Amino acid sequence: MTSWCRSVSRSDPLAHPEDLIRRVYAYVAYRIGDGPDAEDATSDVFERALRYRDTYDPAKGKPLPWLLGIAHYRLAELHAKRGPEPTADLLDGPEPSQIEEQAVERLTLGQAISALSERDRELLALRYGADMKAREIADLMGMKVNGVEVALHRVLARLRTDLAETQSASRSPSRQRAKHPEPAE
């Protein structure tokens, strides 16, 4: 084996792509929704990674943050072309008896997430989409680990509050009367 082959295999960020593909797809799907668009964006990320793999520097970090950086720029390009990105479906498919309820929950959650800042949506996508730890997110975003943890805690608390307010507003007495009018005498 030549020295070139040995050095490429040691620093090749795509040497073991299975887990990387899954995590990049999860991140992209969390940001734009799963399906063909997320698959296309993930393919674009790996196409660019293949094209620019010689720019990868293992001294600067692991392959996943490098790939997520490429994905972030790809999503920004898509966002610029299409306008605001749709929010991903965050729930598993509903059972037939719960379709309406879960559809309302998904829409409510989607609205709450879309009201967050770009930074907060990015933090959620990295943590829950790409399944990154706070340290990895901190390295990727140039933040302190504690800053990432605090920011995630605040974003989740804000989402909980917004969702609780939305839920209590939807259960107000006037809304209940509108759903179930009194019988006419």
N, C-alpha and C. Protein backbone atom coordinates (compact mmCIF):
# COMPACT_ATOMS: atom_id res chain seq x y z
N MET A 1 0.85 -1.17 0.00
CA MET A 1 0.00 0.00 0.00
C MET A 1 0.90 1.23 0.00
N THR A 2 0.58 2.17 -0.83
CA THR A 2 1.39 3.38 -0.91
C THR A 2 1.09 4.28 0.28
N SER A 3 1.99 5.21 0.52
CA SER A 3 1.77 6.14 1.63
C SER A 3 0.54 7.01 1.38
N TRP A 4 0.25 7.31 0.10
CA TRP A 4 -0.93 8.12 -0.22
C TRP A 4 -2.21 7.38 0.20
N CYS A 5 -2.29 6.11 -0.10
CA CYS A 5 -3.47 5.32 0.27
C CYS A 5 -3.64 5.24 1.79
N ARG A 6 -2.53 5.06 2.50
CA ARG A 6 -2.62 5.01 3.96
C ARG A 6 -3.10 6.32 4.53
N SER A 7 -2.60 7.46 4.01
CA SER A 7 -2.99 8.75 4.55
C SER A 7 -4.43 9.08 4.20
N VAL A 8 -4.90 8.68 3.03
CA VAL A 8 -6.29 8.92 2.66
C VAL A 8 -7.22 8.12 3.55
N SER A 9 -6.91 6.84 3.78
CA SER A 9 -7.80 6.01 4.58
C SER A 9 -7.86 6.49 6.03
N ARG A 10 -6.77 7.04 6.55
CA ARG A 10 -6.76 7.52 7.93
C ARG A 10 -7.56 8.81 8.08
N SER A 11 -7.54 9.68 7.06
CA SER A 11 -8.19 10.98 7.20
C SER A 11 -9.42 11.10 6.30
N ASP A 12 -9.86 10.02 5.71
CA ASP A 12 -11.03 10.08 4.84
C ASP A 12 -12.28 10.22 5.69
N PRO A 13 -12.96 11.35 5.61
CA PRO A 13 -14.15 11.56 6.44
C PRO A 13 -15.32 10.66 6.05
N LEU A 14 -15.23 10.05 4.87
CA LEU A 14 -16.32 9.22 4.38
C LEU A 14 -15.96 7.74 4.37
N ALA A 15 -14.96 7.36 5.14
CA ALA A 15 -14.51 5.97 5.17
C ALA A 15 -15.60 5.03 5.66
N HIS A 16 -16.42 5.47 6.59
CA HIS A 16 -17.51 4.66 7.15
C HIS A 16 -18.80 5.49 7.10
N PRO A 17 -19.46 5.54 5.95
CA PRO A 17 -20.55 6.50 5.75
C PRO A 17 -21.92 6.12 6.32
N GLU A 18 -22.14 4.89 6.73
CA GLU A 18 -23.49 4.45 7.09
C GLU A 18 -24.11 5.32 8.17
N ASP A 19 -23.44 5.46 9.31
CA ASP A 19 -23.97 6.27 10.41
C ASP A 19 -24.03 7.75 10.02
N LEU A 20 -23.04 8.19 9.26
CA LEU A 20 -23.02 9.59 8.84
C LEU A 20 -24.22 9.93 7.95
N ILE A 21 -24.54 9.05 7.02
CA ILE A 21 -25.69 9.27 6.14
C ILE A 21 -26.97 9.36 6.96
N ARG A 22 -27.14 8.43 7.89
CA ARG A 22 -28.34 8.42 8.73
C ARG A 22 -28.46 9.71 9.54
N ARG A 23 -27.37 10.18 10.12
CA ARG A 23 -27.42 11.36 10.98
C ARG A 23 -27.58 12.64 10.17
N VAL A 24 -26.94 12.72 9.01
CA VAL A 24 -27.12 13.89 8.16
C VAL A 24 -28.56 13.94 7.66
N TYR A 25 -29.09 12.80 7.23
CA TYR A 25 -30.48 12.76 6.78
C TYR A 25 -31.41 13.19 7.91
N ALA A 26 -31.18 12.69 9.11
CA ALA A 26 -32.04 13.03 10.25
C ALA A 26 -32.01 14.54 10.50
N TYR A 27 -30.84 15.14 10.44
CA TYR A 27 -30.71 16.59 10.62
C TYR A 27 -31.49 17.34 9.55
N VAL A 28 -31.28 16.96 8.29
CA VAL A 28 -31.95 17.62 7.17
C VAL A 28 -33.47 17.44 7.28
N ALA A 29 -33.91 16.22 7.58
CA ALA A 29 -35.33 15.94 7.69
C ALA A 29 -35.95 16.72 8.85
N TYR A 30 -35.20 16.90 9.91
CA TYR A 30 -35.70 17.68 11.04
C TYR A 30 -35.92 19.13 10.63
N ARG A 31 -35.06 19.61 9.75
CA ARG A 31 -35.16 21.01 9.31
C ARG A 31 -36.20 21.23 8.21
N ILE A 32 -36.32 20.32 7.24
CA ILE A 32 -37.20 20.59 6.10
C ILE A 32 -38.29 19.54 5.92
N GLY A 33 -38.34 18.55 6.77
CA GLY A 33 -39.33 17.48 6.62
C GLY A 33 -38.71 16.30 5.91
N ASP A 34 -39.21 15.12 6.25
CA ASP A 34 -38.64 13.94 5.62
C ASP A 34 -39.26 13.72 4.25
N GLY A 35 -38.64 12.86 3.48
CA GLY A 35 -39.15 12.57 2.16
C GLY A 35 -38.16 12.93 1.07
N PRO A 36 -38.66 13.09 -0.15
CA PRO A 36 -37.78 13.30 -1.30
C PRO A 36 -36.87 14.54 -1.19
N ASP A 37 -37.40 15.63 -0.65
CA ASP A 37 -36.56 16.83 -0.52
C ASP A 37 -35.38 16.60 0.42
N ALA A 38 -35.64 15.92 1.53
CA ALA A 38 -34.57 15.63 2.49
C ALA A 38 -33.57 14.65 1.89
N GLU A 39 -34.07 13.69 1.11
CA GLU A 39 -33.17 12.74 0.45
C GLU A 39 -32.29 13.45 -0.56
N ASP A 40 -32.88 14.36 -1.35
CA ASP A 40 -32.10 15.12 -2.33
C ASP A 40 -31.05 15.99 -1.66
N ALA A 41 -31.44 16.67 -0.59
CA ALA A 41 -30.49 17.53 0.11
C ALA A 41 -29.35 16.71 0.72
N THR A 42 -29.69 15.55 1.28
CA THR A 42 -28.66 14.68 1.86
C THR A 42 -27.71 14.19 0.77
N SER A 43 -28.25 13.83 -0.38
CA SER A 43 -27.41 13.42 -1.51
C SER A 43 -26.48 14.55 -1.93
N ASP A 44 -27.02 15.77 -1.97
CA ASP A 44 -26.19 16.93 -2.33
C ASP A 44 -25.05 17.12 -1.34
N VAL A 45 -25.35 16.91 -0.06
CA VAL A 45 -24.32 17.07 0.97
C VAL A 45 -23.18 16.07 0.72
N PHE A 46 -23.53 14.83 0.46
CA PHE A 46 -22.49 13.81 0.26
C PHE A 46 -21.79 13.98 -1.08
N GLU A 47 -22.48 14.50 -2.06
CA GLU A 47 -21.82 14.80 -3.33
C GLU A 47 -20.76 15.88 -3.12
N ARG A 48 -21.12 16.91 -2.39
CA ARG A 48 -20.15 17.97 -2.10
C ARG A 48 -19.01 17.45 -1.23
N ALA A 49 -19.35 16.60 -0.28
CA ALA A 49 -18.32 16.03 0.59
C ALA A 49 -17.33 15.21 -0.22
N LEU A 50 -17.84 14.44 -1.16
CA LEU A 50 -16.94 13.66 -2.03
C LEU A 50 -16.06 14.58 -2.86
N ARG A 51 -16.68 15.64 -3.38
CA ARG A 51 -15.93 16.57 -4.23
C ARG A 51 -14.84 17.30 -3.44
N TYR A 52 -15.14 17.62 -2.18
CA TYR A 52 -14.20 18.42 -1.38
C TYR A 52 -13.59 17.66 -0.22
N ARG A 53 -13.57 16.34 -0.30
CA ARG A 53 -13.06 15.57 0.83
C ARG A 53 -11.60 15.88 1.14
N ASP A 54 -10.84 16.35 0.14
CA ASP A 54 -9.43 16.69 0.41
C ASP A 54 -9.30 17.95 1.27
N THR A 55 -10.39 18.70 1.47
CA THR A 55 -10.34 19.89 2.33
C THR A 55 -10.62 19.54 3.79
N TYR A 56 -11.08 18.31 4.04
CA TYR A 56 -11.37 17.89 5.41
C TYR A 56 -10.08 17.82 6.21
N ASP A 57 -10.10 18.42 7.39
CA ASP A 57 -8.93 18.41 8.27
C ASP A 57 -9.33 17.74 9.58
N PRO A 58 -8.86 16.50 9.81
CA PRO A 58 -9.25 15.81 11.04
C PRO A 58 -8.81 16.53 12.31
N ALA A 59 -7.83 17.41 12.20
CA ALA A 59 -7.39 18.16 13.37
C ALA A 59 -8.44 19.17 13.82
N LYS A 60 -9.34 19.54 12.91
CA LYS A 60 -10.37 20.53 13.23
C LYS A 60 -11.66 19.90 13.77
N GLY A 61 -11.77 18.59 13.70
CA GLY A 61 -12.96 17.95 14.23
C GLY A 61 -13.29 16.66 13.51
N LYS A 62 -14.34 16.03 13.98
CA LYS A 62 -14.78 14.76 13.42
C LYS A 62 -15.56 15.00 12.12
N PRO A 63 -15.80 13.94 11.36
CA PRO A 63 -16.51 14.08 10.09
C PRO A 63 -17.95 14.59 10.21
N LEU A 64 -18.69 14.19 11.26
CA LEU A 64 -20.08 14.60 11.35
C LEU A 64 -20.24 16.12 11.40
N PRO A 65 -19.54 16.84 12.25
CA PRO A 65 -19.70 18.30 12.23
C PRO A 65 -19.32 18.91 10.87
N TRP A 66 -18.31 18.36 10.22
CA TRP A 66 -17.92 18.84 8.89
C TRP A 66 -19.07 18.66 7.91
N LEU A 67 -19.69 17.48 7.93
CA LEU A 67 -20.82 17.20 7.04
C LEU A 67 -22.04 18.05 7.39
N LEU A 68 -22.28 18.26 8.67
CA LEU A 68 -23.41 19.09 9.07
C LEU A 68 -23.20 20.54 8.68
N GLY A 69 -21.94 20.97 8.66
CA GLY A 69 -21.65 22.31 8.15
C GLY A 69 -22.01 22.43 6.67
N ILE A 70 -21.67 21.40 5.91
CA ILE A 70 -22.05 21.38 4.49
C ILE A 70 -23.57 21.36 4.37
N ALA A 71 -24.23 20.56 5.20
CA ALA A 71 -25.70 20.49 5.16
C ALA A 71 -26.33 21.83 5.51
N HIS A 72 -25.76 22.51 6.49
CA HIS A 72 -26.27 23.82 6.89
C HIS A 72 -26.24 24.79 5.71
N TYR A 73 -25.12 24.81 5.00
CA TYR A 73 -25.01 25.70 3.84
C TYR A 73 -25.96 25.27 2.73
N ARG A 74 -26.14 23.98 2.54
CA ARG A 74 -27.08 23.49 1.52
C ARG A 74 -28.50 23.90 1.86
N LEU A 75 -28.88 23.79 3.11
CA LEU A 75 -30.22 24.20 3.52
C LEU A 75 -30.41 25.71 3.39
N ALA A 76 -29.36 26.46 3.66
CA ALA A 76 -29.44 27.92 3.47
C ALA A 76 -29.66 28.25 2.00
N GLU A 77 -29.01 27.52 1.11
CA GLU A 77 -29.23 27.72 -0.33
C GLU A 77 -30.68 27.40 -0.70
N LEU A 78 -31.19 26.29 -0.20
CA LEU A 78 -32.58 25.92 -0.48
C LEU A 78 -33.54 26.97 0.07
N HIS A 79 -33.25 27.43 1.27
CA HIS A 79 -34.09 28.44 1.92
C HIS A 79 -34.12 29.73 1.09
N ALA A 80 -32.97 30.13 0.57
CA ALA A 80 -32.90 31.33 -0.25
C ALA A 80 -33.69 31.17 -1.54
N LYS A 81 -33.69 29.98 -2.12
CA LYS A 81 -34.42 29.73 -3.37
C LYS A 81 -35.92 29.64 -3.15
N ARG A 82 -36.34 28.99 -2.06
CA ARG A 82 -37.75 28.67 -1.85
C ARG A 82 -38.47 29.58 -0.88
N GLY A 83 -37.77 30.31 -0.09
CA GLY A 83 -38.41 31.08 0.97
C GLY A 83 -38.33 30.30 2.26
N PRO A 84 -39.19 30.60 3.23
CA PRO A 84 -39.11 29.94 4.54
C PRO A 84 -39.24 28.43 4.42
N GLU A 85 -38.44 27.74 5.23
CA GLU A 85 -38.45 26.28 5.19
C GLU A 85 -39.64 25.74 5.97
N PRO A 86 -40.25 24.68 5.45
CA PRO A 86 -41.33 24.06 6.21
C PRO A 86 -40.77 23.33 7.41
N THR A 87 -41.58 23.20 8.42
CA THR A 87 -41.16 22.51 9.62
C THR A 87 -41.43 21.03 9.45
N ALA A 88 -40.49 20.21 9.90
CA ALA A 88 -40.60 18.76 9.76
C ALA A 88 -41.73 18.21 10.62
N ASP A 89 -42.32 17.11 10.18
CA ASP A 89 -43.24 16.38 11.02
C ASP A 89 -42.41 15.72 12.10
N LEU A 90 -42.70 16.02 13.35
CA LEU A 90 -41.87 15.53 14.44
C LEU A 90 -42.48 14.32 15.15
N LEU A 91 -43.67 13.94 14.72
CA LEU A 91 -44.32 12.81 15.37
C LEU A 91 -44.36 11.63 14.42
N ASP A 92 -44.39 10.42 14.98
CA ASP A 92 -44.57 9.24 14.15
C ASP A 92 -45.98 9.23 13.60
N GLY A 93 -46.20 8.39 12.64
CA GLY A 93 -47.52 8.30 12.04
C GLY A 93 -48.59 7.97 13.06
N PRO A 94 -49.73 8.62 12.97
CA PRO A 94 -50.78 8.39 13.95
C PRO A 94 -51.54 7.09 13.70
N GLU A 95 -52.18 6.60 14.75
CA GLU A 95 -53.09 5.48 14.60
C GLU A 95 -54.39 6.05 14.03
N PRO A 96 -55.15 5.25 13.32
CA PRO A 96 -56.36 5.76 12.67
C PRO A 96 -57.29 6.53 13.60
N SER A 97 -57.42 6.11 14.85
CA SER A 97 -58.34 6.78 15.77
C SER A 97 -57.82 8.13 16.25
N GLN A 98 -56.56 8.41 16.00
CA GLN A 98 -55.95 9.64 16.52
C GLN A 98 -55.49 10.59 15.42
N ILE A 99 -55.90 10.37 14.20
CA ILE A 99 -55.39 11.17 13.08
C ILE A 99 -55.65 12.65 13.28
N GLU A 100 -56.87 13.03 13.59
CA GLU A 100 -57.20 14.45 13.72
C GLU A 100 -56.43 15.10 14.87
N GLU A 101 -56.42 14.44 16.02
CA GLU A 101 -55.74 14.98 17.20
C GLU A 101 -54.25 15.16 16.94
N GLN A 102 -53.62 14.16 16.36
CA GLN A 102 -52.18 14.25 16.10
C GLN A 102 -51.87 15.25 14.99
N ALA A 103 -52.75 15.39 14.03
CA ALA A 103 -52.55 16.38 12.98
C ALA A 103 -52.56 17.78 13.58
N VAL A 104 -53.49 18.03 14.49
CA VAL A 104 -53.55 19.33 15.16
C VAL A 104 -52.29 19.54 16.00
N GLU A 105 -51.84 18.51 16.71
CA GLU A 105 -50.62 18.62 17.51
C GLU A 105 -49.41 18.93 16.64
N ARG A 106 -49.30 18.24 15.49
CA ARG A 106 -48.19 18.49 14.57
C ARG A 106 -48.20 19.91 14.05
N LEU A 107 -49.38 20.37 13.66
CA LEU A 107 -49.49 21.74 13.15
C LEU A 107 -49.17 22.76 14.23
N THR A 108 -49.66 22.50 15.44
CA THR A 108 -49.39 23.41 16.55
C THR A 108 -47.90 23.44 16.87
N LEU A 109 -47.28 22.27 16.93
CA LEU A 109 -45.85 22.19 17.19
C LEU A 109 -45.06 22.85 16.05
N GLY A 110 -45.47 22.60 14.83
CA GLY A 110 -44.81 23.21 13.68
C GLY A 110 -44.88 24.73 13.73
N GLN A 111 -46.04 25.26 14.11
CA GLN A 111 -46.18 26.71 14.23
C GLN A 111 -45.29 27.25 15.34
N ALA A 112 -45.24 26.54 16.47
CA ALA A 112 -44.41 26.99 17.58
C ALA A 112 -42.93 26.97 17.20
N ILE A 113 -42.51 25.93 16.49
CA ILE A 113 -41.11 25.84 16.07
C ILE A 113 -40.79 26.92 15.04
N SER A 114 -41.71 27.15 14.11
CA SER A 114 -41.44 28.15 13.07
C SER A 114 -41.37 29.56 13.64
N ALA A 115 -41.96 29.78 14.82
CA ALA A 115 -41.89 31.09 15.46
C ALA A 115 -40.55 31.32 16.17
N LEU A 116 -39.76 30.25 16.32
CA LEU A 116 -38.45 30.39 16.97
C LEU A 116 -37.46 31.08 16.04
N SER A 117 -36.40 31.57 16.62
CA SER A 117 -35.35 32.18 15.81
C SER A 117 -34.61 31.10 15.02
N GLU A 118 -33.92 31.51 13.99
CA GLU A 118 -33.14 30.57 13.17
C GLU A 118 -32.13 29.82 14.04
N ARG A 119 -31.48 30.51 14.95
CA ARG A 119 -30.49 29.89 15.84
C ARG A 119 -31.14 28.81 16.71
N ASP A 120 -32.32 29.10 17.26
CA ASP A 120 -32.99 28.13 18.10
C ASP A 120 -33.44 26.91 17.31
N ARG A 121 -33.94 27.12 16.09
CA ARG A 121 -34.32 25.99 15.24
C ARG A 121 -33.10 25.15 14.89
N GLU A 122 -31.97 25.82 14.65
CA GLU A 122 -30.72 25.10 14.34
C GLU A 122 -30.27 24.27 15.54
N LEU A 123 -30.34 24.83 16.74
CA LEU A 123 -29.97 24.08 17.94
C LEU A 123 -30.85 22.83 18.10
N LEU A 124 -32.15 22.98 17.91
CA LEU A 124 -33.05 21.83 18.01
C LEU A 124 -32.74 20.79 16.95
N ALA A 125 -32.47 21.23 15.73
CA ALA A 125 -32.17 20.29 14.65
C ALA A 125 -30.88 19.54 14.91
N LEU A 126 -29.87 20.23 15.42
CA LEU A 126 -28.60 19.56 15.71
C LEU A 126 -28.76 18.57 16.86
N ARG A 127 -29.49 18.97 17.90
CA ARG A 127 -29.63 18.10 19.07
C ARG A 127 -30.56 16.91 18.80
N TYR A 128 -31.73 17.18 18.23
CA TYR A 128 -32.72 16.12 18.09
C TYR A 128 -32.79 15.55 16.69
N GLY A 129 -32.39 16.31 15.69
CA GLY A 129 -32.35 15.78 14.33
C GLY A 129 -31.08 14.98 14.09
N ALA A 130 -29.93 15.62 14.33
CA ALA A 130 -28.65 14.96 14.09
C ALA A 130 -28.17 14.17 15.30
N ASP A 131 -28.89 14.25 16.41
CA ASP A 131 -28.56 13.51 17.62
C ASP A 131 -27.16 13.82 18.13
N MET A 132 -26.80 15.10 18.06
CA MET A 132 -25.49 15.53 18.54
C MET A 132 -25.56 15.86 20.02
N LYS A 133 -24.46 15.66 20.70
CA LYS A 133 -24.33 16.02 22.10
C LYS A 133 -24.02 17.52 22.20
N ALA A 134 -24.21 18.08 23.38
CA ALA A 134 -23.99 19.51 23.59
C ALA A 134 -22.56 19.90 23.24
N ARG A 135 -21.59 19.07 23.58
CA ARG A 135 -20.19 19.38 23.27
C ARG A 135 -19.97 19.47 21.77
N GLU A 136 -20.56 18.55 21.02
CA GLU A 136 -20.40 18.57 19.56
C GLU A 136 -21.07 19.81 18.95
N ILE A 137 -22.24 20.16 19.47
CA ILE A 137 -22.94 21.35 18.99
C ILE A 137 -22.11 22.59 19.31
N ALA A 138 -21.56 22.64 20.50
CA ALA A 138 -20.74 23.78 20.90
C ALA A 138 -19.54 23.94 19.97
N ASP A 139 -18.88 22.85 19.67
CA ASP A 139 -17.74 22.90 18.76
C ASP A 139 -18.15 23.38 17.38
N LEU A 140 -19.28 22.88 16.90
CA LEU A 140 -19.75 23.23 15.57
C LEU A 140 -20.18 24.70 15.48
N MET A 141 -20.85 25.19 16.52
CA MET A 141 -21.40 26.54 16.48
C MET A 141 -20.51 27.59 17.13
N GLY A 142 -19.36 27.16 17.63
CA GLY A 142 -18.45 28.12 18.27
C GLY A 142 -18.99 28.66 19.58
N MET A 143 -19.66 27.82 20.33
CA MET A 143 -20.24 28.21 21.61
C MET A 143 -19.58 27.41 22.72
N LYS A 144 -19.87 27.81 23.95
CA LYS A 144 -19.45 27.01 25.09
C LYS A 144 -20.50 25.94 25.34
N VAL A 145 -20.07 24.80 25.88
CA VAL A 145 -20.97 23.68 26.13
C VAL A 145 -22.12 24.13 27.03
N ASN A 146 -21.79 24.84 28.10
CA ASN A 146 -22.83 25.31 29.01
C ASN A 146 -23.80 26.25 28.28
N GLY A 147 -23.30 27.05 27.37
CA GLY A 147 -24.15 27.94 26.60
C GLY A 147 -25.15 27.18 25.74
N VAL A 148 -24.68 26.08 25.15
CA VAL A 148 -25.57 25.24 24.35
C VAL A 148 -26.64 24.61 25.24
N GLU A 149 -26.22 24.08 26.38
CA GLU A 149 -27.17 23.44 27.29
C GLU A 149 -28.22 24.43 27.78
N VAL A 150 -27.79 25.62 28.14
CA VAL A 150 -28.72 26.65 28.61
C VAL A 150 -29.66 27.07 27.49
N ALA A 151 -29.11 27.27 26.30
CA ALA A 151 -29.94 27.69 25.16
C ALA A 151 -30.98 26.62 24.84
N LEU A 152 -30.58 25.35 24.83
CA LEU A 152 -31.54 24.28 24.56
C LEU A 152 -32.61 24.22 25.65
N HIS A 153 -32.20 24.36 26.90
CA HIS A 153 -33.16 24.36 28.01
C HIS A 153 -34.18 25.48 27.83
N ARG A 154 -33.71 26.67 27.48
CA ARG A 154 -34.61 27.81 27.31
C ARG A 154 -35.54 27.63 26.11
N VAL A 155 -35.01 27.09 25.02
CA VAL A 155 -35.85 26.87 23.84
C VAL A 155 -36.94 25.86 24.16
N LEU A 156 -36.59 24.78 24.82
CA LEU A 156 -37.58 23.77 25.16
C LEU A 156 -38.61 24.32 26.15
N ALA A 157 -38.17 25.12 27.10
CA ALA A 157 -39.10 25.74 28.05
C ALA A 157 -40.05 26.68 27.31
N ARG A 158 -39.52 27.45 26.37
CA ARG A 158 -40.35 28.36 25.58
C ARG A 158 -41.38 27.58 24.76
N LEU A 159 -40.95 26.48 24.15
CA LEU A 159 -41.88 25.65 23.38
C LEU A 159 -42.97 25.07 24.28
N ARG A 160 -42.58 24.58 25.46
CA ARG A 160 -43.57 24.03 26.38
C ARG A 160 -44.61 25.08 26.77
N THR A 161 -44.12 26.29 27.08
CA THR A 161 -45.02 27.38 27.47
C THR A 161 -45.96 27.74 26.32
N ASP A 162 -45.40 27.90 25.13
CA ASP A 162 -46.21 28.25 23.97
C ASP A 162 -47.26 27.18 23.68
N LEU A 163 -46.85 25.93 23.76
CA LEU A 163 -47.79 24.83 23.50
C LEU A 163 -48.86 24.75 24.58
N ALA A 164 -48.49 24.99 25.84
CA ALA A 164 -49.48 24.96 26.92
C ALA A 164 -50.48 26.10 26.76
N GLU A 165 -50.00 27.28 26.37
CA GLU A 165 -50.91 28.42 26.15
C GLU A 165 -51.85 28.14 24.99
N THR A 166 -51.32 27.56 23.93
CA THR A 166 -52.15 27.23 22.78
C THR A 166 -53.20 26.20 23.15
N GLN A 167 -52.78 25.21 23.93
CA GLN A 167 -53.70 24.15 24.35
C GLN A 167 -54.79 24.71 25.27
N SER A 168 -54.42 25.57 26.21
CA SER A 168 -55.44 26.11 27.12
C SER A 168 -56.37 27.06 26.37
N ALA A 169 -55.87 27.78 25.39
CA ALA A 169 -56.73 28.67 24.60
C ALA A 169 -57.72 27.87 23.77
N SER A 170 -57.30 26.71 23.29
CA SER A 170 -58.20 25.90 22.48
C SER A 170 -59.26 25.21 23.34
N ARG A 171 -59.05 25.17 24.64
CA ARG A 171 -60.03 24.53 25.53
C ARG A 171 -60.85 25.56 26.30
N SER A 172 -60.81 26.80 25.90
CA SER A 172 -61.56 27.83 26.61
C SER A 172 -63.06 27.55 26.50
N PRO A 173 -63.86 28.02 27.48
CA PRO A 173 -65.29 27.73 27.47
C PRO A 173 -66.00 28.21 26.21
N SER A 174 -65.63 29.37 25.70
CA SER A 174 -66.31 29.86 24.50
C SER A 174 -66.05 28.95 23.31
N ARG A 175 -64.86 28.39 23.22
CA ARG A 175 -64.54 27.47 22.13
C ARG A 175 -65.31 26.16 22.31
N GLN A 176 -65.43 25.70 23.55
CA GLN A 176 -66.17 24.47 23.81
C GLN A 176 -67.64 24.62 23.42
N ARG A 177 -68.25 25.80 23.72
CA ARG A 177 -69.64 26.04 23.35
C ARG A 177 -69.80 26.04 21.84
N ALA A 178 -68.81 26.58 21.15
CA ALA A 178 -68.90 26.62 19.69
C ALA A 178 -68.84 25.21 19.12
N LYS A 179 -68.09 24.33 19.74
CA LYS A 179 -67.99 22.96 19.25
C LYS A 179 -69.26 22.17 19.55
N HIS A 180 -69.90 22.46 20.69
CA HIS A 180 -71.09 21.71 21.13
C HIS A 180 -72.21 22.70 21.46
N PRO A 181 -72.91 23.21 20.45
CA PRO A 181 -73.99 24.18 20.74
C PRO A 181 -75.13 23.53 21.52
N GLU A 182 -75.79 24.36 22.29
CA GLU A 182 -76.93 23.90 23.08
C GLU A 182 -78.07 23.54 22.11
N PRO A 183 -78.81 22.51 22.43
CA PRO A 183 -79.95 22.16 21.57
C PRO A 183 -81.02 23.25 21.61
N ALA A 184 -81.62 23.46 20.45
CA ALA A 184 -82.69 24.47 20.37
C ALA A 184 -83.94 23.94 21.02
N GLU A 185 -84.68 24.84 21.70
CA GLU A 185 -85.91 24.43 22.39
C GLU A 185 -87.11 24.70 21.56
